[in-house]
């Protein structure tokens, strides 16, 4: 039960950090005109993918250290 809560908090924290980290990049240079919806979808997917990778790394590192 405790590991599930730690896992959930880690994933949520990773999503917030990835949104913050990716927001510093100026993606407007790469956008085509009238493609804002597609870009927003891509941005959200990139944030979730980055968050998954970071959270998986942190959780795996914790299990190696603890276990």
N, C-alpha and C. Protein backbone atom coordinates (compact mmCIF):
# COMPACT_ATOMS: atom_id res chain seq x y z
N UNK A 1 0.83 -1.20 0.00
CA UNK A 1 0.00 0.00 0.00
C UNK A 1 0.87 1.27 0.00
N UNK A 2 1.89 1.26 0.82
CA UNK A 2 2.77 2.43 0.90
C UNK A 2 3.50 2.63 -0.42
N UNK A 3 3.95 1.53 -1.04
CA UNK A 3 4.66 1.64 -2.31
C UNK A 3 3.74 2.20 -3.39
N UNK A 4 2.47 1.86 -3.37
CA UNK A 4 1.52 2.39 -4.36
C UNK A 4 1.36 3.90 -4.21
N UNK A 5 1.32 4.38 -2.99
CA UNK A 5 1.20 5.82 -2.75
C UNK A 5 2.48 6.53 -3.19
N UNK A 6 3.63 5.94 -2.87
CA UNK A 6 4.90 6.53 -3.31
C UNK A 6 4.96 6.57 -4.83
N UNK A 7 4.51 5.50 -5.46
CA UNK A 7 4.52 5.42 -6.93
C UNK A 7 3.61 6.49 -7.53
N UNK A 8 2.42 6.67 -6.98
CA UNK A 8 1.49 7.68 -7.48
C UNK A 8 2.05 9.09 -7.31
N UNK A 9 2.60 9.37 -6.15
CA UNK A 9 3.18 10.70 -5.90
C UNK A 9 4.36 10.95 -6.83
N UNK A 10 5.16 9.92 -7.06
CA UNK A 10 6.31 10.07 -7.96
C UNK A 10 5.86 10.37 -9.37
N UNK A 11 4.85 9.67 -9.87
CA UNK A 11 4.36 9.93 -11.22
C UNK A 11 3.75 11.33 -11.34
N UNK A 12 2.97 11.74 -10.36
CA UNK A 12 2.36 13.07 -10.41
C UNK A 12 3.44 14.16 -10.34
N UNK A 13 4.40 13.97 -9.47
CA UNK A 13 5.50 14.93 -9.38
C UNK A 13 6.31 14.99 -10.67
N UNK A 14 6.51 13.85 -11.29
CA UNK A 14 7.26 13.81 -12.55
C UNK A 14 6.51 14.51 -13.67
N UNK A 15 5.20 14.39 -13.69
CA UNK A 15 4.41 15.09 -14.70
C UNK A 15 4.53 16.60 -14.52
N UNK A 16 4.45 17.06 -13.28
CA UNK A 16 4.56 18.49 -13.02
C UNK A 16 5.94 19.01 -13.39
N UNK A 17 6.98 18.26 -13.05
CA UNK A 17 8.34 18.69 -13.38
C UNK A 17 8.56 18.68 -14.88
N UNK A 18 8.02 17.69 -15.58
CA UNK A 18 8.21 17.64 -17.03
C UNK A 18 7.47 18.77 -17.73
N UNK A 19 6.28 19.14 -17.26
CA UNK A 19 5.59 20.30 -17.82
C UNK A 19 6.42 21.56 -17.62
N UNK A 20 6.98 21.70 -16.43
CA UNK A 20 7.81 22.87 -16.13
C UNK A 20 9.07 22.89 -17.00
N UNK A 21 9.70 21.74 -17.13
CA UNK A 21 10.96 21.66 -17.88
C UNK A 21 10.73 21.90 -19.37
N UNK A 22 9.68 21.34 -19.94
CA UNK A 22 9.44 21.51 -21.37
C UNK A 22 8.88 22.89 -21.71
N UNK A 23 8.36 23.59 -20.72
CA UNK A 23 7.81 24.92 -21.00
C UNK A 23 8.90 25.96 -21.27
N UNK A 24 10.14 25.65 -20.92
CA UNK A 24 11.21 26.61 -21.15
C UNK A 24 11.71 26.57 -22.60
N UNK A 25 11.34 25.56 -23.35
CA UNK A 25 11.76 25.45 -24.74
C UNK A 25 10.79 26.23 -25.62
N UNK A 26 11.31 27.01 -26.53
CA UNK A 26 10.48 27.81 -27.44
C UNK A 26 10.08 26.94 -28.64
N UNK A 27 8.93 26.30 -28.50
CA UNK A 27 8.46 25.43 -29.56
C UNK A 27 7.76 26.21 -30.68
N UNK A 28 7.55 27.49 -30.48
CA UNK A 28 6.86 28.30 -31.49
C UNK A 28 7.64 28.36 -32.79
N UNK A 29 8.93 28.19 -32.70
CA UNK A 29 9.75 28.21 -33.91
C UNK A 29 9.48 27.00 -34.80
N UNK A 30 9.03 25.92 -34.21
CA UNK A 30 8.82 24.68 -34.96
C UNK A 30 7.38 24.50 -35.43
N UNK A 31 6.49 25.40 -35.03
CA UNK A 31 5.07 25.25 -35.35
C UNK A 31 4.75 25.70 -36.77
N UNK A 32 3.86 24.97 -37.39
CA UNK A 32 3.28 25.44 -38.64
C UNK A 32 2.04 26.26 -38.29
N UNK A 33 1.64 27.12 -39.18
CA UNK A 33 0.46 27.93 -38.92
C UNK A 33 -0.78 27.03 -38.89
N UNK A 34 -1.71 27.39 -38.01
CA UNK A 34 -2.99 26.69 -37.85
C UNK A 34 -2.80 25.25 -37.40
N UNK A 35 -1.75 24.95 -36.65
CA UNK A 35 -1.52 23.60 -36.14
C UNK A 35 -1.35 23.61 -34.62
N UNK A 36 -2.04 24.52 -33.95
CA UNK A 36 -1.89 24.66 -32.50
C UNK A 36 -2.47 23.45 -31.76
N UNK A 37 -3.57 22.92 -32.21
CA UNK A 37 -4.20 21.78 -31.54
C UNK A 37 -3.28 20.55 -31.61
N UNK A 38 -2.69 20.33 -32.77
CA UNK A 38 -1.79 19.20 -32.91
C UNK A 38 -0.55 19.37 -32.03
N UNK A 39 -0.06 20.62 -31.96
CA UNK A 39 1.09 20.87 -31.11
C UNK A 39 0.76 20.63 -29.65
N UNK A 40 -0.40 21.08 -29.19
CA UNK A 40 -0.79 20.87 -27.79
C UNK A 40 -0.88 19.39 -27.47
N UNK A 41 -1.40 18.61 -28.40
CA UNK A 41 -1.46 17.16 -28.20
C UNK A 41 -0.06 16.57 -28.10
N UNK A 42 0.82 16.98 -28.99
CA UNK A 42 2.20 16.51 -28.97
C UNK A 42 2.90 16.93 -27.68
N UNK A 43 2.67 18.16 -27.24
CA UNK A 43 3.30 18.66 -26.02
C UNK A 43 2.87 17.84 -24.81
N UNK A 44 1.59 17.54 -24.72
CA UNK A 44 1.09 16.73 -23.60
C UNK A 44 1.67 15.33 -23.65
N UNK A 45 1.73 14.74 -24.84
CA UNK A 45 2.31 13.40 -24.96
C UNK A 45 3.80 13.39 -24.61
N UNK A 46 4.51 14.44 -25.00
CA UNK A 46 5.93 14.53 -24.65
C UNK A 46 6.11 14.68 -23.14
N UNK A 47 5.24 15.46 -22.51
CA UNK A 47 5.32 15.62 -21.06
C UNK A 47 5.06 14.31 -20.33
N UNK A 48 4.05 13.57 -20.78
CA UNK A 48 3.76 12.28 -20.14
C UNK A 48 4.86 11.26 -20.39
N UNK A 49 5.42 11.26 -21.59
CA UNK A 49 6.50 10.33 -21.89
C UNK A 49 7.73 10.63 -21.05
N UNK A 50 8.08 11.90 -20.95
CA UNK A 50 9.22 12.29 -20.13
C UNK A 50 8.96 11.98 -18.65
N UNK A 51 7.75 12.24 -18.20
CA UNK A 51 7.40 11.96 -16.80
C UNK A 51 7.47 10.46 -16.52
N UNK A 52 7.02 9.65 -17.44
CA UNK A 52 7.08 8.20 -17.25
C UNK A 52 8.53 7.72 -17.15
N UNK A 53 9.38 8.24 -18.02
CA UNK A 53 10.79 7.83 -17.99
C UNK A 53 11.46 8.26 -16.68
N UNK A 54 11.21 9.49 -16.27
CA UNK A 54 11.82 9.99 -15.03
C UNK A 54 11.30 9.22 -13.82
N UNK A 55 9.99 9.02 -13.74
CA UNK A 55 9.41 8.31 -12.60
C UNK A 55 9.87 6.86 -12.57
N UNK A 56 9.96 6.22 -13.72
CA UNK A 56 10.44 4.84 -13.76
C UNK A 56 11.88 4.75 -13.27
N UNK A 57 12.69 5.71 -13.68
CA UNK A 57 14.08 5.73 -13.21
C UNK A 57 14.14 5.91 -11.70
N UNK A 58 13.38 6.85 -11.18
CA UNK A 58 13.40 7.11 -9.73
C UNK A 58 12.90 5.90 -8.96
N UNK A 59 11.82 5.30 -9.41
CA UNK A 59 11.27 4.14 -8.70
C UNK A 59 12.20 2.95 -8.78
N UNK A 60 12.82 2.73 -9.92
CA UNK A 60 13.77 1.63 -10.05
C UNK A 60 15.00 1.88 -9.17
N UNK A 61 15.44 3.11 -9.11
CA UNK A 61 16.58 3.46 -8.26
C UNK A 61 16.23 3.25 -6.79
N UNK A 62 15.00 3.59 -6.41
CA UNK A 62 14.58 3.39 -5.03
C UNK A 62 14.51 1.92 -4.67
N UNK A 63 14.02 1.08 -5.58
CA UNK A 63 13.91 -0.34 -5.27
C UNK A 63 15.29 -1.00 -5.20
N UNK A 64 16.24 -0.50 -5.99
CA UNK A 64 17.59 -1.04 -5.90
C UNK A 64 18.23 -0.63 -4.59
N UNK A 65 18.03 0.63 -4.17
CA UNK A 65 18.62 1.11 -2.93
C UNK A 65 17.96 0.47 -1.72
N UNK A 66 16.64 0.36 -1.74
CA UNK A 66 15.91 -0.16 -0.57
C UNK A 66 15.97 -1.69 -0.55
N UNK A 67 15.71 -2.28 -1.70
CA UNK A 67 15.61 -3.74 -1.78
C UNK A 67 16.92 -4.34 -1.89
